[in-house]
Each structure stands twice: as structure tokens, then as C-alpha cells.
Amino acid sequence: MNLIVFLIVCFASDLLTYLNKEKTAELKALPKYRELEKWMDENGVLRPGVDYPAAFGRNGELIGMAAKKDIPPQTAFLYVP
């Protein structure tokens, strides 16, 4: 494997597996995420076993949901009534 491919693989892997806890905490404090959380609670959206928002990568550049536990295949992790 050449160096460029190795670096790309390492960077991509880091984005998908490294949860940046500091950036995640910053995101959770932002009004847009707090308002979304409130809306989901008020409207009965269930999200067992996931944490949102979650920042991935060393710099927190990828924002999404993080599993808090193993989620088996073909299992819903977000229920929107």
C-alpha cells in the first residue's frame, strides 16, 4: 500500500470511528440542536440507543448519530410517529 492510500484509509477510518467528545458537547449546547431535541421529545420521536448530535474525527468534522450500544441488523434506531 502506498503512503497516499494509507493516509486516506487512516483519515477515513478516523472519521468513522473516533468520537470527538469535546466537539460533541459543543454541538449539544448549540440552540439548533437543543431545539431539535425539544421538538423530538414533544412529538414522540424515540431514539433508543443513539446519541445525537455526535461529532466524529479528530476535529469533529463529521456530524451525525452515535450508537450508545450495539444495534443488531434490521433494527430500527429512530422512530418518528
N, C-alpha and C. Protein backbone atom coordinates (compact mmCIF):
# COMPACT_ATOMS: atom_id res chain seq x y z
N MET A 1 0.87 -1.17 0.00
CA MET A 1 0.00 0.00 0.00
C MET A 1 0.91 1.23 0.00
N ASN A 2 0.64 2.15 -0.92
CA ASN A 2 1.49 3.34 -0.92
C ASN A 2 1.05 4.31 0.17
N LEU A 3 1.87 5.29 0.42
CA LEU A 3 1.66 6.22 1.53
C LEU A 3 0.36 7.01 1.39
N ILE A 4 0.04 7.47 0.18
CA ILE A 4 -1.18 8.26 -0.01
C ILE A 4 -2.41 7.43 0.30
N VAL A 5 -2.48 6.21 -0.21
CA VAL A 5 -3.62 5.34 0.07
C VAL A 5 -3.71 5.05 1.56
N PHE A 6 -2.58 4.80 2.19
CA PHE A 6 -2.54 4.54 3.63
C PHE A 6 -3.10 5.73 4.41
N LEU A 7 -2.69 6.94 4.05
CA LEU A 7 -3.16 8.14 4.75
C LEU A 7 -4.66 8.35 4.55
N ILE A 8 -5.15 8.10 3.33
CA ILE A 8 -6.57 8.24 3.06
C ILE A 8 -7.37 7.23 3.88
N VAL A 9 -6.92 5.99 3.90
CA VAL A 9 -7.60 4.95 4.67
C VAL A 9 -7.60 5.31 6.15
N CYS A 10 -6.48 5.77 6.67
CA CYS A 10 -6.41 6.15 8.09
C CYS A 10 -7.33 7.32 8.39
N PHE A 11 -7.37 8.33 7.51
CA PHE A 11 -8.21 9.50 7.72
C PHE A 11 -9.68 9.11 7.68
N ALA A 12 -10.07 8.30 6.69
CA ALA A 12 -11.46 7.88 6.57
C ALA A 12 -11.87 7.04 7.77
N SER A 13 -10.99 6.16 8.19
CA SER A 13 -11.28 5.32 9.36
C SER A 13 -11.47 6.18 10.60
N ASP A 14 -10.64 7.18 10.75
CA ASP A 14 -10.70 8.09 11.89
C ASP A 14 -12.04 8.83 11.89
N LEU A 15 -12.51 9.26 10.73
CA LEU A 15 -13.78 9.97 10.64
C LEU A 15 -14.94 9.10 11.10
N LEU A 16 -14.85 7.83 10.83
CA LEU A 16 -15.96 6.92 11.12
C LEU A 16 -15.92 6.32 12.52
N THR A 17 -14.77 6.36 13.17
CA THR A 17 -14.66 5.65 14.44
C THR A 17 -14.29 6.52 15.64
N TYR A 18 -13.70 7.68 15.42
CA TYR A 18 -13.24 8.50 16.55
C TYR A 18 -14.33 9.48 16.94
N LEU A 19 -14.93 9.30 18.10
CA LEU A 19 -15.95 10.21 18.61
C LEU A 19 -15.25 11.34 19.35
N ASN A 20 -15.41 12.55 18.85
CA ASN A 20 -14.80 13.73 19.46
C ASN A 20 -15.75 14.25 20.55
N LYS A 21 -15.46 13.89 21.79
CA LYS A 21 -16.36 14.22 22.90
C LYS A 21 -16.45 15.72 23.16
N GLU A 22 -15.35 16.43 23.00
CA GLU A 22 -15.36 17.88 23.24
C GLU A 22 -16.24 18.59 22.20
N LYS A 23 -16.07 18.26 20.94
CA LYS A 23 -16.88 18.87 19.88
C LYS A 23 -18.34 18.46 20.00
N THR A 24 -18.59 17.21 20.41
CA THR A 24 -19.96 16.75 20.63
C THR A 24 -20.65 17.59 21.70
N ALA A 25 -19.95 17.86 22.79
CA ALA A 25 -20.50 18.69 23.86
C ALA A 25 -20.80 20.10 23.36
N GLU A 26 -19.92 20.65 22.53
CA GLU A 26 -20.15 21.98 21.95
C GLU A 26 -21.40 21.98 21.08
N LEU A 27 -21.56 20.95 20.26
CA LEU A 27 -22.73 20.86 19.39
C LEU A 27 -24.01 20.78 20.20
N LYS A 28 -24.01 19.98 21.26
CA LYS A 28 -25.20 19.80 22.08
C LYS A 28 -25.65 21.12 22.73
N ALA A 29 -24.74 22.06 22.89
CA ALA A 29 -25.07 23.35 23.50
C ALA A 29 -25.63 24.35 22.50
N LEU A 30 -25.50 24.07 21.20
CA LEU A 30 -26.00 25.00 20.18
C LEU A 30 -27.52 25.01 20.16
N PRO A 31 -28.11 26.20 20.01
CA PRO A 31 -29.57 26.31 20.01
C PRO A 31 -30.27 25.41 18.98
N LYS A 32 -29.72 25.27 17.78
CA LYS A 32 -30.42 24.48 16.76
C LYS A 32 -30.54 23.01 17.16
N TYR A 33 -29.54 22.47 17.84
CA TYR A 33 -29.62 21.08 18.28
C TYR A 33 -30.50 20.94 19.52
N ARG A 34 -30.47 21.94 20.40
CA ARG A 34 -31.33 21.91 21.58
C ARG A 34 -32.80 22.00 21.17
N GLU A 35 -33.09 22.85 20.17
CA GLU A 35 -34.46 23.00 19.69
C GLU A 35 -34.94 21.73 19.00
N LEU A 36 -34.07 21.08 18.23
CA LEU A 36 -34.44 19.83 17.58
C LEU A 36 -34.72 18.75 18.62
N GLU A 37 -33.88 18.67 19.63
CA GLU A 37 -34.07 17.70 20.72
C GLU A 37 -35.42 17.92 21.41
N LYS A 38 -35.74 19.18 21.68
CA LYS A 38 -37.02 19.52 22.32
C LYS A 38 -38.18 19.12 21.41
N TRP A 39 -38.07 19.42 20.11
CA TRP A 39 -39.13 19.07 19.17
C TRP A 39 -39.32 17.57 19.11
N MET A 40 -38.23 16.81 19.07
CA MET A 40 -38.34 15.35 19.02
C MET A 40 -39.03 14.82 20.27
N ASP A 41 -38.67 15.35 21.44
CA ASP A 41 -39.30 14.91 22.69
C ASP A 41 -40.79 15.25 22.70
N GLU A 42 -41.14 16.46 22.28
CA GLU A 42 -42.54 16.89 22.29
C GLU A 42 -43.40 16.11 21.29
N ASN A 43 -42.78 15.60 20.24
CA ASN A 43 -43.53 14.92 19.18
C ASN A 43 -43.38 13.40 19.21
N GLY A 44 -42.83 12.88 20.28
CA GLY A 44 -42.79 11.44 20.46
C GLY A 44 -41.77 10.68 19.64
N VAL A 45 -40.74 11.36 19.17
CA VAL A 45 -39.69 10.68 18.41
C VAL A 45 -38.84 9.88 19.40
N LEU A 46 -38.74 8.58 19.15
CA LEU A 46 -37.95 7.70 20.00
C LEU A 46 -36.62 7.42 19.32
N ARG A 47 -35.56 7.45 20.08
CA ARG A 47 -34.22 7.19 19.55
C ARG A 47 -33.41 6.38 20.56
N PRO A 48 -33.88 5.15 20.82
CA PRO A 48 -33.19 4.34 21.82
C PRO A 48 -31.81 3.91 21.33
N GLY A 49 -30.87 4.05 22.18
CA GLY A 49 -29.54 3.56 21.86
C GLY A 49 -28.68 4.44 20.98
N VAL A 50 -29.17 5.66 20.64
CA VAL A 50 -28.34 6.55 19.83
C VAL A 50 -28.19 7.91 20.51
N ASP A 51 -27.12 8.56 20.17
CA ASP A 51 -26.82 9.88 20.71
C ASP A 51 -26.72 10.85 19.54
N TYR A 52 -27.40 11.99 19.64
CA TYR A 52 -27.39 12.99 18.58
C TYR A 52 -27.37 14.37 19.19
N PRO A 53 -26.61 15.29 18.68
CA PRO A 53 -25.60 15.13 17.64
C PRO A 53 -24.33 14.51 18.21
N ALA A 54 -23.56 13.94 17.32
CA ALA A 54 -22.25 13.38 17.69
C ALA A 54 -21.24 13.83 16.63
N ALA A 55 -20.07 14.25 17.08
CA ALA A 55 -19.02 14.73 16.17
C ALA A 55 -17.94 13.66 16.07
N PHE A 56 -17.61 13.28 14.85
CA PHE A 56 -16.59 12.27 14.60
C PHE A 56 -15.38 12.90 13.94
N GLY A 57 -14.24 12.25 14.11
CA GLY A 57 -12.99 12.75 13.54
C GLY A 57 -12.24 13.57 14.57
N ARG A 58 -10.93 13.68 14.38
CA ARG A 58 -10.09 14.41 15.34
C ARG A 58 -10.55 15.85 15.54
N ASN A 59 -11.09 16.46 14.46
CA ASN A 59 -11.54 17.85 14.55
C ASN A 59 -13.06 17.98 14.62
N GLY A 60 -13.75 16.85 14.70
CA GLY A 60 -15.21 16.87 14.79
C GLY A 60 -15.87 17.31 13.50
N GLU A 61 -15.24 17.00 12.37
CA GLU A 61 -15.75 17.50 11.09
C GLU A 61 -16.92 16.71 10.51
N LEU A 62 -17.22 15.53 11.04
CA LEU A 62 -18.35 14.74 10.56
C LEU A 62 -19.38 14.68 11.68
N ILE A 63 -20.58 15.19 11.42
CA ILE A 63 -21.63 15.25 12.44
C ILE A 63 -22.72 14.25 12.08
N GLY A 64 -23.14 13.48 13.07
CA GLY A 64 -24.19 12.50 12.85
C GLY A 64 -24.69 11.94 14.16
N MET A 65 -25.16 10.69 14.12
CA MET A 65 -25.62 9.97 15.31
C MET A 65 -24.57 8.95 15.70
N ALA A 66 -24.48 8.69 17.00
CA ALA A 66 -23.56 7.67 17.50
C ALA A 66 -24.36 6.64 18.27
N ALA A 67 -24.04 5.38 18.04
CA ALA A 67 -24.71 4.31 18.77
C ALA A 67 -24.16 4.26 20.19
N LYS A 68 -25.07 4.15 21.16
CA LYS A 68 -24.66 4.02 22.57
C LYS A 68 -24.54 2.55 22.96
N LYS A 69 -25.04 1.68 22.09
CA LYS A 69 -24.98 0.23 22.33
C LYS A 69 -24.99 -0.44 20.96
N ASP A 70 -24.72 -1.73 20.93
CA ASP A 70 -24.79 -2.47 19.67
C ASP A 70 -26.22 -2.47 19.16
N ILE A 71 -26.37 -2.19 17.88
CA ILE A 71 -27.68 -2.22 17.25
C ILE A 71 -27.66 -3.35 16.24
N PRO A 72 -28.46 -4.39 16.48
CA PRO A 72 -28.46 -5.54 15.56
C PRO A 72 -28.93 -5.14 14.16
N PRO A 73 -28.59 -5.93 13.16
CA PRO A 73 -29.07 -5.66 11.80
C PRO A 73 -30.59 -5.64 11.76
N GLN A 74 -31.12 -4.85 10.87
CA GLN A 74 -32.56 -4.72 10.64
C GLN A 74 -33.32 -4.30 11.90
N THR A 75 -32.69 -3.50 12.72
CA THR A 75 -33.31 -2.96 13.93
C THR A 75 -33.45 -1.46 13.79
N ALA A 76 -34.65 -0.95 14.00
CA ALA A 76 -34.86 0.50 13.92
C ALA A 76 -34.18 1.17 15.09
N PHE A 77 -33.54 2.30 14.82
CA PHE A 77 -32.89 3.05 15.89
C PHE A 77 -33.47 4.46 16.01
N LEU A 78 -34.43 4.78 15.13
CA LEU A 78 -35.11 6.07 15.16
C LEU A 78 -36.56 5.85 14.78
N TYR A 79 -37.48 6.20 15.68
CA TYR A 79 -38.91 6.02 15.43
C TYR A 79 -39.55 7.39 15.36
N VAL A 80 -40.14 7.73 14.22
CA VAL A 80 -40.83 9.01 14.06
C VAL A 80 -42.30 8.71 13.82
N PRO A 81 -43.17 9.13 14.77
CA PRO A 81 -44.60 8.83 14.62
C PRO A 81 -45.23 9.60 13.45
